[in-house]
Amino acid sequence: MAKRANAEQKKWLSDVAEWAQDNLHVLYGEAYRGYNSIQLHHVTGRASKHNKVEVGHWYILAIPKELHDVMSNHSLNVTHRKKAFTAKYGMQKDLFGKMVNSMGLQGYAIPSDDVFWAILSTNE
């Protein structure tokens, strides 16, 4: 069973959702400028660790609902067609890096260096 998110991780989840309201196009292109129906995707699962670093509650992406929701049959849905999704938008770790960079430039608190580099060293 996954550990519950702590206060700092809950704030991160909230900040990612807030950032996505005006910035989703940074990750998915101009078609998603102003698009605000998002879901938060835990890339490797809420309880995941990588290189002994807990990354689960940090390694999230804001994803357009149609590209994540289990009920969506979109051809680029990351839940059902990860290879097609990454072929179009890039590796999830690279999207995470772009998102964190943009958020940092906008003054949001971002994950610690050990978490950030652990995430960037995943195969996702």
PDB file of N, CA and C in Angstrom:
ATOM      1  N   MET A   1       0.841  -1.184   0.000  1.00  0.00           N
ATOM      2  CA  MET A   1       0.000   0.000   0.000  1.00  0.00           C
ATOM      3  C   MET A   1       0.887   1.249   0.000  1.00  0.00           C
ATOM      4  N   ALA A   2       0.522   2.201  -0.793  1.00  0.00           N
ATOM      5  CA  ALA A   2       1.319   3.411  -0.933  1.00  0.00           C
ATOM      6  C   ALA A   2       1.241   4.282   0.317  1.00  0.00           C
ATOM      7  N   LYS A   3       2.379   4.887   0.651  1.00  0.00           N
ATOM      8  CA  LYS A   3       2.375   5.866   1.723  1.00  0.00           C
ATOM      9  C   LYS A   3       1.573   7.073   1.255  1.00  0.00           C
ATOM     10  N   ARG A   4       0.860   7.669   2.187  1.00  0.00           N
ATOM     11  CA  ARG A   4       0.118   8.878   1.847  1.00  0.00           C
ATOM     12  C   ARG A   4       1.100  10.015   1.587  1.00  0.00           C
ATOM     13  N   ALA A   5       0.679  10.921   0.727  1.00  0.00           N
ATOM     14  CA  ALA A   5       1.507  12.088   0.435  1.00  0.00           C
ATOM     15  C   ALA A   5       1.617  12.953   1.684  1.00  0.00           C
ATOM     16  N   ASN A   6       2.828  13.463   1.927  1.00  0.00           N
ATOM     17  CA  ASN A   6       3.009  14.390   3.046  1.00  0.00           C
ATOM     18  C   ASN A   6       2.597  15.795   2.597  1.00  0.00           C
ATOM     19  N   ALA A   7       2.683  16.760   3.500  1.00  0.00           N
ATOM     20  CA  ALA A   7       2.221  18.120   3.198  1.00  0.00           C
ATOM     21  C   ALA A   7       2.971  18.730   2.007  1.00  0.00           C
ATOM     22  N   GLU A   8       4.276  18.513   1.955  1.00  0.00           N
ATOM     23  CA  GLU A   8       5.088  19.065   0.858  1.00  0.00           C
ATOM     24  C   GLU A   8       4.691  18.426  -0.474  1.00  0.00           C
ATOM     25  N   GLN A   9       4.431  17.121  -0.467  1.00  0.00           N
ATOM     26  CA  GLN A   9       4.025  16.423  -1.682  1.00  0.00           C
ATOM     27  C   GLN A   9       2.618  16.830  -2.119  1.00  0.00           C
ATOM     28  N   LYS A  10       1.733  17.046  -1.165  1.00  0.00           N
ATOM     29  CA  LYS A  10       0.377  17.519  -1.494  1.00  0.00           C
ATOM     30  C   LYS A  10       0.440  18.903  -2.129  1.00  0.00           C
ATOM     31  N   LYS A  11       1.316  19.745  -1.601  1.00  0.00           N
ATOM     32  CA  LYS A  11       1.505  21.085  -2.179  1.00  0.00           C
ATOM     33  C   LYS A  11       2.029  20.959  -3.609  1.00  0.00           C
ATOM     34  N   TRP A  12       2.946  20.028  -3.854  1.00  0.00           N
ATOM     35  CA  TRP A  12       3.485  19.784  -5.189  1.00  0.00           C
ATOM     36  C   TRP A  12       2.355  19.386  -6.144  1.00  0.00           C
ATOM     37  N   LEU A  13       1.512  18.459  -5.716  1.00  0.00           N
ATOM     38  CA  LEU A  13       0.374  18.040  -6.544  1.00  0.00           C
ATOM     39  C   LEU A  13      -0.506  19.234  -6.895  1.00  0.00           C
ATOM     40  N   SER A  14      -0.798  20.039  -5.899  1.00  0.00           N
ATOM     41  CA  SER A  14      -1.632  21.224  -6.103  1.00  0.00           C
ATOM     42  C   SER A  14      -0.955  22.223  -7.044  1.00  0.00           C
ATOM     43  N   ASP A  15       0.345  22.434  -6.843  1.00  0.00           N
ATOM     44  CA  ASP A  15       1.084  23.376  -7.692  1.00  0.00           C
ATOM     45  C   ASP A  15       1.147  22.900  -9.138  1.00  0.00           C
ATOM     46  N   VAL A  16       1.345  21.611  -9.347  1.00  0.00           N
ATOM     47  CA  VAL A  16       1.375  21.084 -10.723  1.00  0.00           C
ATOM     48  C   VAL A  16       0.028  21.320 -11.396  1.00  0.00           C
ATOM     49  N   ALA A  17      -1.051  21.044 -10.691  1.00  0.00           N
ATOM     50  CA  ALA A  17      -2.386  21.268 -11.254  1.00  0.00           C
ATOM     51  C   ALA A  17      -2.604  22.747 -11.562  1.00  0.00           C
ATOM     52  N   GLU A  18      -2.164  23.618 -10.657  1.00  0.00           N
ATOM     53  CA  GLU A  18      -2.304  25.065 -10.880  1.00  0.00           C
ATOM     54  C   GLU A  18      -1.476  25.510 -12.080  1.00  0.00           C
ATOM     55  N   TRP A  19      -0.220  25.062 -12.140  1.00  0.00           N
ATOM     56  CA  TRP A  19       0.660  25.413 -13.252  1.00  0.00           C
ATOM     57  C   TRP A  19       0.046  24.993 -14.586  1.00  0.00           C
ATOM     58  N   ALA A  20      -0.558  23.824 -14.615  1.00  0.00           N
ATOM     59  CA  ALA A  20      -1.109  23.275 -15.857  1.00  0.00           C
ATOM     60  C   ALA A  20      -2.243  24.113 -16.419  1.00  0.00           C
ATOM     61  N   GLN A  21      -2.939  24.862 -15.579  1.00  0.00           N
ATOM     62  CA  GLN A  21      -4.073  25.652 -16.056  1.00  0.00           C
ATOM     63  C   GLN A  21      -3.677  26.620 -17.175  1.00  0.00           C
ATOM     64  N   ASP A  22      -2.470  27.170 -17.102  1.00  0.00           N
ATOM     65  CA  ASP A  22      -2.026  28.137 -18.107  1.00  0.00           C
ATOM     66  C   ASP A  22      -0.826  27.675 -18.923  1.00  0.00           C
ATOM     67  N   ASN A  23      -0.311  26.481 -18.634  1.00  0.00           N
ATOM     68  CA  ASN A  23       0.961  26.092 -19.245  1.00  0.00           C
ATOM     69  C   ASN A  23       0.987  24.720 -19.894  1.00  0.00           C
ATOM     70  N   LEU A  24      -0.140  24.070 -20.047  1.00  0.00           N
ATOM     71  CA  LEU A  24      -0.156  22.710 -20.587  1.00  0.00           C
ATOM     72  C   LEU A  24       0.477  22.651 -21.984  1.00  0.00           C
ATOM     73  N   HIS A  25       0.352  23.731 -22.734  1.00  0.00           N
ATOM     74  CA  HIS A  25       0.921  23.785 -24.081  1.00  0.00           C
ATOM     75  C   HIS A  25       2.449  23.658 -24.079  1.00  0.00           C
ATOM     76  N   VAL A  26       3.090  23.982 -22.953  1.00  0.00           N
ATOM     77  CA  VAL A  26       4.549  23.836 -22.858  1.00  0.00           C
ATOM     78  C   VAL A  26       4.946  22.380 -23.101  1.00  0.00           C
ATOM     79  N   LEU A  27       4.104  21.454 -22.646  1.00  0.00           N
ATOM     80  CA  LEU A  27       4.399  20.026 -22.778  1.00  0.00           C
ATOM     81  C   LEU A  27       3.775  19.390 -24.016  1.00  0.00           C
ATOM     82  N   TYR A  28       2.582  19.861 -24.403  1.00  0.00           N
ATOM     83  CA  TYR A  28       1.818  19.135 -25.424  1.00  0.00           C
ATOM     84  C   TYR A  28       1.497  19.944 -26.679  1.00  0.00           C
ATOM     85  N   GLY A  29       2.042  21.138 -26.784  1.00  0.00           N
ATOM     86  CA  GLY A  29       1.869  21.926 -27.995  1.00  0.00           C
ATOM     87  C   GLY A  29       0.697  22.894 -27.933  1.00  0.00           C
ATOM     88  N   GLU A  30       0.641  23.751 -28.937  1.00  0.00           N
ATOM     89  CA  GLU A  30      -0.343  24.839 -28.982  1.00  0.00           C
ATOM     90  C   GLU A  30      -1.790  24.369 -28.941  1.00  0.00           C
ATOM     91  N   ALA A  31      -2.065  23.168 -29.401  1.00  0.00           N
ATOM     92  CA  ALA A  31      -3.443  22.653 -29.362  1.00  0.00           C
ATOM     93  C   ALA A  31      -3.965  22.612 -27.926  1.00  0.00           C
ATOM     94  N   TYR A  32      -3.058  22.597 -26.950  1.00  0.00           N
ATOM     95  CA  TYR A  32      -3.461  22.517 -25.553  1.00  0.00           C
ATOM     96  C   TYR A  32      -3.292  23.833 -24.792  1.00  0.00           C
ATOM     97  N   ARG A  33      -3.092  24.948 -25.525  1.00  0.00           N
ATOM     98  CA  ARG A  33      -3.043  26.260 -24.863  1.00  0.00           C
ATOM     99  C   ARG A  33      -4.452  26.569 -24.349  1.00  0.00           C
ATOM    100  N   GLY A  34      -4.539  26.892 -23.066  1.00  0.00           N
ATOM    101  CA  GLY A  34      -5.833  27.217 -22.474  1.00  0.00           C
ATOM    102  C   GLY A  34      -6.690  26.004 -22.127  1.00  0.00           C
ATOM    103  N   TYR A  35      -6.201  24.827 -22.410  1.00  0.00           N
ATOM    104  CA  TYR A  35      -6.928  23.583 -22.113  1.00  0.00           C
ATOM    105  C   TYR A  35      -6.804  23.332 -20.616  1.00  0.00           C
ATOM    106  N   ASN A  36      -7.926  23.132 -19.933  1.00  0.00           N
ATOM    107  CA  ASN A  36      -7.813  22.982 -18.487  1.00  0.00           C
ATOM    108  C   ASN A  36      -8.520  21.756 -17.927  1.00  0.00           C
ATOM    109  N   SER A  37      -8.795  20.779 -18.773  1.00  0.00           N
ATOM    110  CA  SER A  37      -9.341  19.519 -18.269  1.00  0.00           C
ATOM    111  C   SER A  37      -8.179  18.537 -18.173  1.00  0.00           C
ATOM    112  N   ILE A  38      -7.558  18.513 -16.989  1.00  0.00           N
ATOM    113  CA  ILE A  38      -6.341  17.711 -16.814  1.00  0.00           C
ATOM    114  C   ILE A  38      -6.545  16.617 -15.772  1.00  0.00           C
ATOM    115  N   GLN A  39      -5.657  15.667 -15.819  1.00  0.00           N
ATOM    116  CA  GLN A  39      -5.535  14.682 -14.759  1.00  0.00           C
ATOM    117  C   GLN A  39      -4.056  14.618 -14.382  1.00  0.00           C
ATOM    118  N   LEU A  40      -3.793  14.276 -13.132  1.00  0.00           N
ATOM    119  CA  LEU A  40      -2.413  14.123 -12.678  1.00  0.00           C
ATOM    120  C   LEU A  40      -2.029  12.656 -12.795  1.00  0.00           C
ATOM    121  N   HIS A  41      -0.947  12.415 -13.491  1.00  0.00           N
ATOM    122  CA  HIS A  41      -0.467  11.070 -13.800  1.00  0.00           C
ATOM    123  C   HIS A  41       0.750  10.762 -12.945  1.00  0.00           C
ATOM    124  N   HIS A  42       0.649   9.752 -12.101  1.00  0.00           N
ATOM    125  CA  HIS A  42       1.799   9.263 -11.329  1.00  0.00           C
ATOM    126  C   HIS A  42       2.548   8.299 -12.247  1.00  0.00           C
ATOM    127  N   VAL A  43       3.624   8.758 -12.822  1.00  0.00           N
ATOM    128  CA  VAL A  43       4.296   8.048 -13.913  1.00  0.00           C
ATOM    129  C   VAL A  43       4.712   6.635 -13.513  1.00  0.00           C
ATOM    130  N   THR A  44       5.311   6.481 -12.355  1.00  0.00           N
ATOM    131  CA  THR A  44       5.787   5.154 -11.935  1.00  0.00           C
ATOM    132  C   THR A  44       5.007   4.606 -10.744  1.00  0.00           C
ATOM    133  N   GLY A  45       3.908   5.270 -10.393  1.00  0.00           N
ATOM    134  CA  GLY A  45       3.090   4.837  -9.271  1.00  0.00           C
ATOM    135  C   GLY A  45       3.420   5.612  -8.003  1.00  0.00           C
ATOM    136  N   ARG A  46       2.433   5.749  -7.144  1.00  0.00           N
ATOM    137  CA  ARG A  46       2.577   6.566  -5.936  1.00  0.00           C
ATOM    138  C   ARG A  46       3.649   6.056  -4.969  1.00  0.00           C
ATOM    139  N   ALA A  47       3.903   4.780  -4.962  1.00  0.00           N
ATOM    140  CA  ALA A  47       4.837   4.203  -3.984  1.00  0.00           C
ATOM    141  C   ALA A  47       6.228   3.946  -4.563  1.00  0.00           C
ATOM    142  N   SER A  48       6.485   4.399  -5.776  1.00  0.00           N
ATOM    143  CA  SER A  48       7.733   4.005  -6.436  1.00  0.00           C
ATOM    144  C   SER A  48       8.968   4.682  -5.859  1.00  0.00           C
ATOM    145  N   LYS A  49      10.063   3.937  -5.971  1.00  0.00           N
ATOM    146  CA  LYS A  49      11.399   4.417  -5.623  1.00  0.00           C
ATOM    147  C   LYS A  49      12.287   4.186  -6.835  1.00  0.00           C
ATOM    148  N   HIS A  50      13.292   5.023  -6.979  1.00  0.00           N
ATOM    149  CA  HIS A  50      14.300   4.810  -8.015  1.00  0.00           C
ATOM    150  C   HIS A  50      15.649   5.150  -7.408  1.00  0.00           C
ATOM    151  N   ASN A  51      16.592   4.230  -7.532  1.00  0.00           N
ATOM    152  CA  ASN A  51      17.911   4.394  -6.912  1.00  0.00           C
ATOM    153  C   ASN A  51      17.790   4.733  -5.420  1.00  0.00           C
ATOM    154  N   LYS A  52      16.871   4.035  -4.752  1.00  0.00           N
ATOM    155  CA  LYS A  52      16.619   4.171  -3.309  1.00  0.00           C
ATOM    156  C   LYS A  52      16.015   5.514  -2.906  1.00  0.00           C
ATOM    157  N   VAL A  53      15.577   6.302  -3.879  1.00  0.00           N
ATOM    158  CA  VAL A  53      14.951   7.602  -3.608  1.00  0.00           C
ATOM    159  C   VAL A  53      13.454   7.466  -3.865  1.00  0.00           C
ATOM    160  N   GLU A  54      12.649   7.886  -2.897  1.00  0.00           N
ATOM    161  CA  GLU A  54      11.202   7.858  -3.083  1.00  0.00           C
ATOM    162  C   GLU A  54      10.811   8.933  -4.094  1.00  0.00           C
ATOM    163  N   VAL A  55      10.263   8.486  -5.222  1.00  0.00           N
ATOM    164  CA  VAL A  55       9.882   9.432  -6.271  1.00  0.00           C
ATOM    165  C   VAL A  55       8.387   9.416  -6.572  1.00  0.00           C
ATOM    166  N   GLY A  56       7.671   8.445  -6.056  1.00  0.00           N
ATOM    167  CA  GLY A  56       6.277   8.224  -6.441  1.00  0.00           C
ATOM    168  C   GLY A  56       5.368   9.433  -6.390  1.00  0.00           C
ATOM    169  N   HIS A  57       5.358  10.153  -5.283  1.00  0.00           N
ATOM    170  CA  HIS A  57       4.467  11.310  -5.156  1.00  0.00           C
ATOM    171  C   HIS A  57       5.032  12.549  -5.842  1.00  0.00           C
ATOM    172  N   TRP A  58       6.273  12.486  -6.273  1.00  0.00           N
ATOM    173  CA  TRP A  58       6.900  13.611  -6.975  1.00  0.00           C
ATOM    174  C   TRP A  58       6.832  13.445  -8.486  1.00  0.00           C
ATOM    175  N   TYR A  59       6.948  12.220  -8.947  1.00  0.00           N
ATOM    176  CA  TYR A  59       7.035  11.978 -10.395  1.00  0.00           C
ATOM    177  C   TYR A  59       5.627  11.956 -10.984  1.00  0.00           C
ATOM    178  N   ILE A  60       5.090  13.149 -11.137  1.00  0.00           N
ATOM    179  CA  ILE A  60       3.756  13.295 -11.705  1.00  0.00           C
ATOM    180  C   ILE A  60       3.823  14.227 -12.904  1.00  0.00           C
ATOM    181  N   LEU A  61       2.883  14.044 -13.777  1.00  0.00           N
ATOM    182  CA  LEU A  61       2.710  14.932 -14.922  1.00  0.00           C
ATOM    183  C   LEU A  61       1.257  15.370 -14.995  1.00  0.00           C
ATOM    184  N   ALA A  62       1.049  16.619 -15.344  1.00  0.00           N
ATOM    185  CA  ALA A  62      -0.285  17.083 -15.695  1.00  0.00           C
ATOM    186  C   ALA A  62      -0.503  16.652 -17.146  1.00  0.00           C
ATOM    187  N   ILE A  63      -1.572  15.919 -17.366  1.00  0.00           N
ATOM    188  CA  ILE A  63      -1.837  15.382 -18.697  1.00  0.00           C
ATOM    189  C   ILE A  63      -3.264  15.733 -19.092  1.00  0.00           C
ATOM    190  N   PRO A  64      -3.488  16.153 -20.345  1.00  0.00           N
ATOM    191  CA  PRO A  64      -4.858  16.384 -20.783  1.00  0.00           C
ATOM    192  C   PRO A  64      -5.697  15.129 -20.520  1.00  0.00           C
ATOM    193  N   LYS A  65      -6.899  15.335 -20.017  1.00  0.00           N
ATOM    194  CA  LYS A  65      -7.746  14.213 -19.620  1.00  0.00           C
ATOM    195  C   LYS A  65      -7.850  13.155 -20.707  1.00  0.00           C
ATOM    196  N   GLU A  66      -8.048  13.580 -21.936  1.00  0.00           N
ATOM    197  CA  GLU A  66      -8.218  12.624 -23.039  1.00  0.00           C
ATOM    198  C   GLU A  66      -6.975  11.768 -23.276  1.00  0.00           C
ATOM    199  N   LEU A  67      -5.811  12.252 -22.809  1.00  0.00           N
ATOM    200  CA  LEU A  67      -4.568  11.513 -22.994  1.00  0.00           C
ATOM    201  C   LEU A  67      -4.196  10.670 -21.777  1.00  0.00           C
ATOM    202  N   HIS A  68      -5.070  10.641 -20.762  1.00  0.00           N
ATOM    203  CA  HIS A  68      -4.763   9.882 -19.551  1.00  0.00           C
ATOM    204  C   HIS A  68      -5.924   9.033 -19.044  1.00  0.00           C
ATOM    205  N   ASP A  69      -7.118   9.547 -19.102  1.00  0.00           N
ATOM    206  CA  ASP A  69      -8.273   8.888 -18.498  1.00  0.00           C
ATOM    207  C   ASP A  69      -8.446   7.463 -19.002  1.00  0.00           C
ATOM    208  N   VAL A  70      -8.687   6.526 -18.084  1.00  0.00           N
ATOM    209  CA  VAL A  70      -8.834   5.120 -18.466  1.00  0.00           C
ATOM    210  C   VAL A  70     -10.043   4.893 -19.370  1.00  0.00           C
ATOM    211  N   MET A  71     -10.998   5.797 -19.357  1.00  0.00           N
ATOM    212  CA  MET A  71     -12.192   5.660 -20.192  1.00  0.00           C
ATOM    213  C   MET A  71     -11.995   6.242 -21.595  1.00  0.00           C
ATOM    214  N   SER A  72     -10.903   6.930 -21.809  1.00  0.00           N
ATOM    215  CA  SER A  72     -10.634   7.541 -23.113  1.00  0.00           C
ATOM    216  C   SER A  72      -9.996   6.530 -24.062  1.00  0.00           C
ATOM    217  N   ASN A  73     -10.438   6.558 -25.278  1.00  0.00           N
ATOM    218  CA  ASN A  73      -9.870   5.678 -26.300  1.00  0.00           C
ATOM    219  C   ASN A  73      -8.989   6.476 -27.276  1.00  0.00           C
ATOM    220  N   HIS A  74      -8.489   7.625 -26.847  1.00  0.00           N
ATOM    221  CA  HIS A  74      -7.634   8.467 -27.691  1.00  0.00           C
ATOM    222  C   HIS A  74      -6.414   7.668 -28.140  1.00  0.00           C
ATOM    223  N   SER A  75      -6.010   7.860 -29.372  1.00  0.00           N
ATOM    224  CA  SER A  75      -4.891   7.080 -29.928  1.00  0.00           C
ATOM    225  C   SER A  75      -3.555   7.366 -29.243  1.00  0.00           C
ATOM    226  N   LEU A  76      -3.465   8.462 -28.485  1.00  0.00           N
ATOM    227  CA  LEU A  76      -2.223   8.815 -27.796  1.00  0.00           C
ATOM    228  C   LEU A  76      -2.360   8.726 -26.274  1.00  0.00           C
ATOM    229  N   ASN A  77      -3.371   8.026 -25.789  1.00  0.00           N
ATOM    230  CA  ASN A  77      -3.607   7.900 -24.352  1.00  0.00           C
ATOM    231  C   ASN A  77      -2.437   7.169 -23.689  1.00  0.00           C
ATOM    232  N   VAL A  78      -1.789   7.824 -22.731  1.00  0.00           N
ATOM    233  CA  VAL A  78      -0.602   7.257 -22.088  1.00  0.00           C
ATOM    234  C   VAL A  78      -0.928   6.009 -21.267  1.00  0.00           C
ATOM    235  N   THR A  79      -2.137   5.928 -20.768  1.00  0.00           N
ATOM    236  CA  THR A  79      -2.539   4.768 -19.972  1.00  0.00           C
ATOM    237  C   THR A  79      -2.626   3.505 -20.818  1.00  0.00           C
ATOM    238  N   HIS A  80      -3.151   3.656 -22.036  1.00  0.00           N
ATOM    239  CA  HIS A  80      -3.381   2.508 -22.910  1.00  0.00           C
ATOM    240  C   HIS A  80      -2.330   2.351 -24.018  1.00  0.00           C
ATOM    241  N   ARG A  81      -1.703   3.450 -24.410  1.00  0.00           N
ATOM    242  CA  ARG A  81      -0.776   3.425 -25.557  1.00  0.00           C
ATOM    243  C   ARG A  81       0.464   4.269 -25.266  1.00  0.00           C
ATOM    244  N   LYS A  82       1.236   3.823 -24.274  1.00  0.00           N
ATOM    245  CA  LYS A  82       2.399   4.605 -23.831  1.00  0.00           C
ATOM    246  C   LYS A  82       3.403   4.843 -24.963  1.00  0.00           C
ATOM    247  N   LYS A  83       3.631   3.837 -25.804  1.00  0.00           N
ATOM    248  CA  LYS A  83       4.607   4.018 -26.895  1.00  0.00           C
ATOM    249  C   LYS A  83       4.161   5.096 -27.873  1.00  0.00           C
ATOM    250  N   ALA A  84       2.882   5.125 -28.194  1.00  0.00           N
ATOM    251  CA  ALA A  84       2.362   6.152 -29.102  1.00  0.00           C
ATOM    252  C   ALA A  84       2.461   7.534 -28.445  1.00  0.00           C
ATOM    253  N   PHE A  85       2.142   7.600 -27.153  1.00  0.00           N
ATOM    254  CA  PHE A  85       2.233   8.856 -26.414  1.00  0.00           C
ATOM    255  C   PHE A  85       3.660   9.388 -26.435  1.00  0.00           C
ATOM    256  N   THR A  86       4.633   8.523 -26.102  1.00  0.00           N
ATOM    257  CA  THR A  86       6.020   8.986 -26.047  1.00  0.00           C
ATOM    258  C   THR A  86       6.585   9.264 -27.438  1.00  0.00           C
ATOM    259  N   ALA A  87       6.095   8.570 -28.450  1.00  0.00           N
ATOM    260  CA  ALA A  87       6.539   8.868 -29.820  1.00  0.00           C
ATOM    261  C   ALA A  87       6.129  10.289 -30.217  1.00  0.00           C
ATOM    262  N   LYS A  88       4.975  10.727 -29.757  1.00  0.00           N
ATOM    263  CA  LYS A  88       4.471  12.066 -30.089  1.00  0.00           C
ATOM    264  C   LYS A  88       5.060  13.148 -29.179  1.00  0.00           C
ATOM    265  N   TYR A  89       5.065  12.902 -27.873  1.00  0.00           N
ATOM    266  CA  TYR A  89       5.400  13.960 -26.914  1.00  0.00           C
ATOM    267  C   TYR A  89       6.770  13.824 -26.264  1.00  0.00           C
ATOM    268  N   GLY A  90       7.402  12.674 -26.403  1.00  0.00           N
ATOM    269  CA  GLY A  90       8.712  12.469 -25.801  1.00  0.00           C
ATOM    270  C   GLY A  90       8.611  11.638 -24.535  1.00  0.00           C
ATOM    271  N   MET A  91       9.766  11.262 -24.029  1.00  0.00           N
ATOM    272  CA  MET A  91       9.830  10.472 -22.801  1.00  0.00           C
ATOM    273  C   MET A  91       9.188  11.248 -21.656  1.00  0.00           C
ATOM    274  N   GLN A  92       8.531  10.515 -20.784  1.00  0.00           N
ATOM    275  CA  GLN A  92       7.860  11.163 -19.657  1.00  0.00           C
ATOM    276  C   GLN A  92       8.846  11.876 -18.741  1.00  0.00           C
ATOM    277  N   LYS A  93      10.045  11.327 -18.575  1.00  0.00           N
ATOM    278  CA  LYS A  93      11.041  11.999 -17.731  1.00  0.00           C
ATOM    279  C   LYS A  93      11.457  13.339 -18.345  1.00  0.00           C
ATOM    280  N   ASP A  94      11.485  13.422 -19.685  1.00  0.00           N
ATOM    281  CA  ASP A  94      11.823  14.681 -20.347  1.00  0.00           C
ATOM    282  C   ASP A  94      10.692  15.700 -20.211  1.00  0.00           C
ATOM    283  N   LEU A  95       9.449  15.228 -20.287  1.00  0.00           N
ATOM    284  CA  LEU A  95       8.305  16.119 -20.049  1.00  0.00           C
ATOM    285  C   LEU A  95       8.345  16.643 -18.613  1.00  0.00           C
ATOM    286  N   PHE A  96       8.683  15.761 -17.673  1.00  0.00           N
ATOM    287  CA  PHE A  96       8.809  16.157 -16.279  1.00  0.00           C
ATOM    288  C   PHE A  96       9.883  17.238 -16.135  1.00  0.00           C
ATOM    289  N   GLY A  97      11.033  17.037 -16.761  1.00  0.00           N
ATOM    290  CA  GLY A  97      12.107  18.031 -16.709  1.00  0.00           C
ATOM    291  C   GLY A  97      11.667  19.378 -17.250  1.00  0.00           C
ATOM    292  N   LYS A  98      10.945  19.382 -18.365  1.00  0.00           N
ATOM    293  CA  LYS A  98      10.420  20.640 -18.939  1.00  0.00           C
ATOM    294  C   LYS A  98       9.460  21.310 -17.977  1.00  0.00           C
ATOM    295  N   MET A  99       8.565  20.492 -17.395  1.00  0.00           N
ATOM    296  CA  MET A  99       7.567  21.027 -16.473  1.00  0.00           C
ATOM    297  C   MET A  99       8.250  21.645 -15.251  1.00  0.00           C
ATOM    298  N   VAL A 100       9.193  20.931 -14.653  1.00  0.00           N
ATOM    299  CA  VAL A 100       9.888  21.430 -13.464  1.00  0.00           C
ATOM    300  C   VAL A 100      10.661  22.701 -13.797  1.00  0.00           C
ATOM    301  N   ASN A 101      11.316  22.742 -14.941  1.00  0.00           N
ATOM    302  CA  ASN A 101      12.051  23.942 -15.346  1.00  0.00           C
ATOM    303  C   ASN A 101      11.100  25.138 -15.469  1.00  0.00           C
ATOM    304  N   SER A 102       9.988  24.937 -16.148  1.00  0.00           N
ATOM    305  CA  SER A 102       9.011  26.016 -16.307  1.00  0.00           C
ATOM    306  C   SER A 102       8.455  26.459 -14.961  1.00  0.00           C
ATOM    307  N   MET A 103       8.138  25.485 -14.113  1.00  0.00           N
ATOM    308  CA  MET A 103       7.596  25.825 -12.797  1.00  0.00           C
ATOM    309  C   MET A 103       8.614  26.591 -11.959  1.00  0.00           C
ATOM    310  N   GLY A 104       9.871  26.162 -11.998  1.00  0.00           N
ATOM    311  CA  GLY A 104      10.923  26.855 -11.256  1.00  0.00           C
ATOM    312  C   GLY A 104      11.087  28.288 -11.715  1.00  0.00           C
ATOM    313  N   LEU A 105      11.036  28.504 -13.023  1.00  0.00           N
ATOM    314  CA  LEU A 105      11.158  29.862 -13.573  1.00  0.00           C
ATOM    315  C   LEU A 105       9.983  30.748 -13.159  1.00  0.00           C
ATOM    316  N   GLN A 106       8.849  30.105 -12.874  1.00  0.00           N
ATOM    317  CA  GLN A 106       7.662  30.857 -12.456  1.00  0.00           C
ATOM    318  C   GLN A 106       7.553  30.988 -10.940  1.00  0.00           C
ATOM    319  N   GLY A 107       8.573  30.521 -10.218  1.00  0.00           N
ATOM    320  CA  GLY A 107       8.614  30.731  -8.784  1.00  0.00           C
ATOM    321  C   GLY A 107       7.993  29.639  -7.929  1.00  0.00           C
ATOM    322  N   TYR A 108       7.587  28.546  -8.547  1.00  0.00           N
ATOM    323  CA  TYR A 108       7.059  27.435  -7.759  1.00  0.00           C
ATOM    324  C   TYR A 108       8.205  26.703  -7.054  1.00  0.00           C
ATOM    325  N   ALA A 109       7.915  26.152  -5.885  1.00  0.00           N
ATOM    326  CA  ALA A 109       8.870  25.265  -5.216  1.00  0.00           C
ATOM    327  C   ALA A 109       8.917  23.972  -6.018  1.00  0.00           C
ATOM    328  N   ILE A 110      10.101  23.468  -6.273  1.00  0.00           N
ATOM    329  CA  ILE A 110      10.255  22.265  -7.096  1.00  0.00           C
ATOM    330  C   ILE A 110      10.912  21.157  -6.261  1.00  0.00           C
ATOM    331  N   PRO A 111      10.836  19.921  -6.728  1.00  0.00           N
ATOM    332  CA  PRO A 111      11.428  18.814  -5.966  1.00  0.00           C
ATOM    333  C   PRO A 111      12.925  19.015  -5.730  1.00  0.00           C
ATOM    334  N   SER A 112      13.411  18.389  -4.668  1.00  0.00           N
ATOM    335  CA  SER A 112      14.833  18.468  -4.329  1.00  0.00           C
ATOM    336  C   SER A 112      15.680  17.884  -5.461  1.00  0.00           C
ATOM    337  N   ASP A 113      16.942  18.244  -5.470  1.00  0.00           N
ATOM    338  CA  ASP A 113      17.850  17.747  -6.510  1.00  0.00           C
ATOM    339  C   ASP A 113      17.927  16.222  -6.533  1.00  0.00           C
ATOM    340  N   ASP A 114      17.961  15.574  -5.358  1.00  0.00           N
ATOM    341  CA  ASP A 114      18.074  14.115  -5.359  1.00  0.00           C
ATOM    342  C   ASP A 114      16.837  13.473  -5.979  1.00  0.00           C
ATOM    343  N   VAL A 115      15.667  14.020  -5.704  1.00  0.00           N
ATOM    344  CA  VAL A 115      14.432  13.499  -6.316  1.00  0.00           C
ATOM    345  C   VAL A 115      14.434  13.793  -7.812  1.00  0.00           C
ATOM    346  N   PHE A 116      14.768  15.012  -8.178  1.00  0.00           N
ATOM    347  CA  PHE A 116      14.771  15.410  -9.593  1.00  0.00           C
ATOM    348  C   PHE A 116      15.704  14.519 -10.418  1.00  0.00           C
ATOM    349  N   TRP A 117      16.929  14.327  -9.946  1.00  0.00           N
ATOM    350  CA  TRP A 117      17.886  13.538 -10.713  1.00  0.00           C
ATOM    351  C   TRP A 117      17.538  12.055 -10.698  1.00  0.00           C
ATOM    352  N   ALA A 118      16.934  11.566  -9.628  1.00  0.00           N
ATOM    353  CA  ALA A 118      16.473  10.175  -9.600  1.00  0.00           C
ATOM    354  C   ALA A 118      15.394   9.968 -10.666  1.00  0.00           C
ATOM    355  N   ILE A 119      14.493  10.928 -10.782  1.00  0.00           N
ATOM    356  CA  ILE A 119      13.431  10.836 -11.790  1.00  0.00           C
ATOM    357  C   ILE A 119      14.017  10.891 -13.195  1.00  0.00           C
ATOM    358  N   LEU A 120      14.940  11.804 -13.420  1.00  0.00           N
ATOM    359  CA  LEU A 120      15.528  11.913 -14.767  1.00  0.00           C
ATOM    360  C   LEU A 120      16.362  10.698 -15.148  1.00  0.00           C
ATOM    361  N   SER A 121      16.734   9.894 -14.166  1.00  0.00           N
ATOM    362  CA  SER A 121      17.515   8.689 -14.485  1.00  0.00           C
ATOM    363  C   SER A 121      16.639   7.447 -14.672  1.00  0.00           C
ATOM    364  N   THR A 122      15.322   7.607 -14.638  1.00  0.00           N
ATOM    365  CA  THR A 122      14.429   6.466 -14.880  1.00  0.00           C
ATOM    366  C   THR A 122      14.397   6.139 -16.371  1.00  0.00           C
ATOM    367  N   ASN A 123      13.763   5.047 -16.704  1.00  0.00           N
ATOM    368  CA  ASN A 123      13.584   4.673 -18.119  1.00  0.00           C
ATOM    369  C   ASN A 123      12.236   5.094 -18.666  1.00  0.00           C
ATOM    370  N   GLU A 124      11.515   5.845 -17.899  1.00  0.00           N
ATOM    371  CA  GLU A 124      10.188   6.284 -18.313  1.00  0.00           C
ATOM    372  C   GLU A 124      10.303   7.586 -19.060  1.00  0.00           C
TER     373      GLU A 124
END
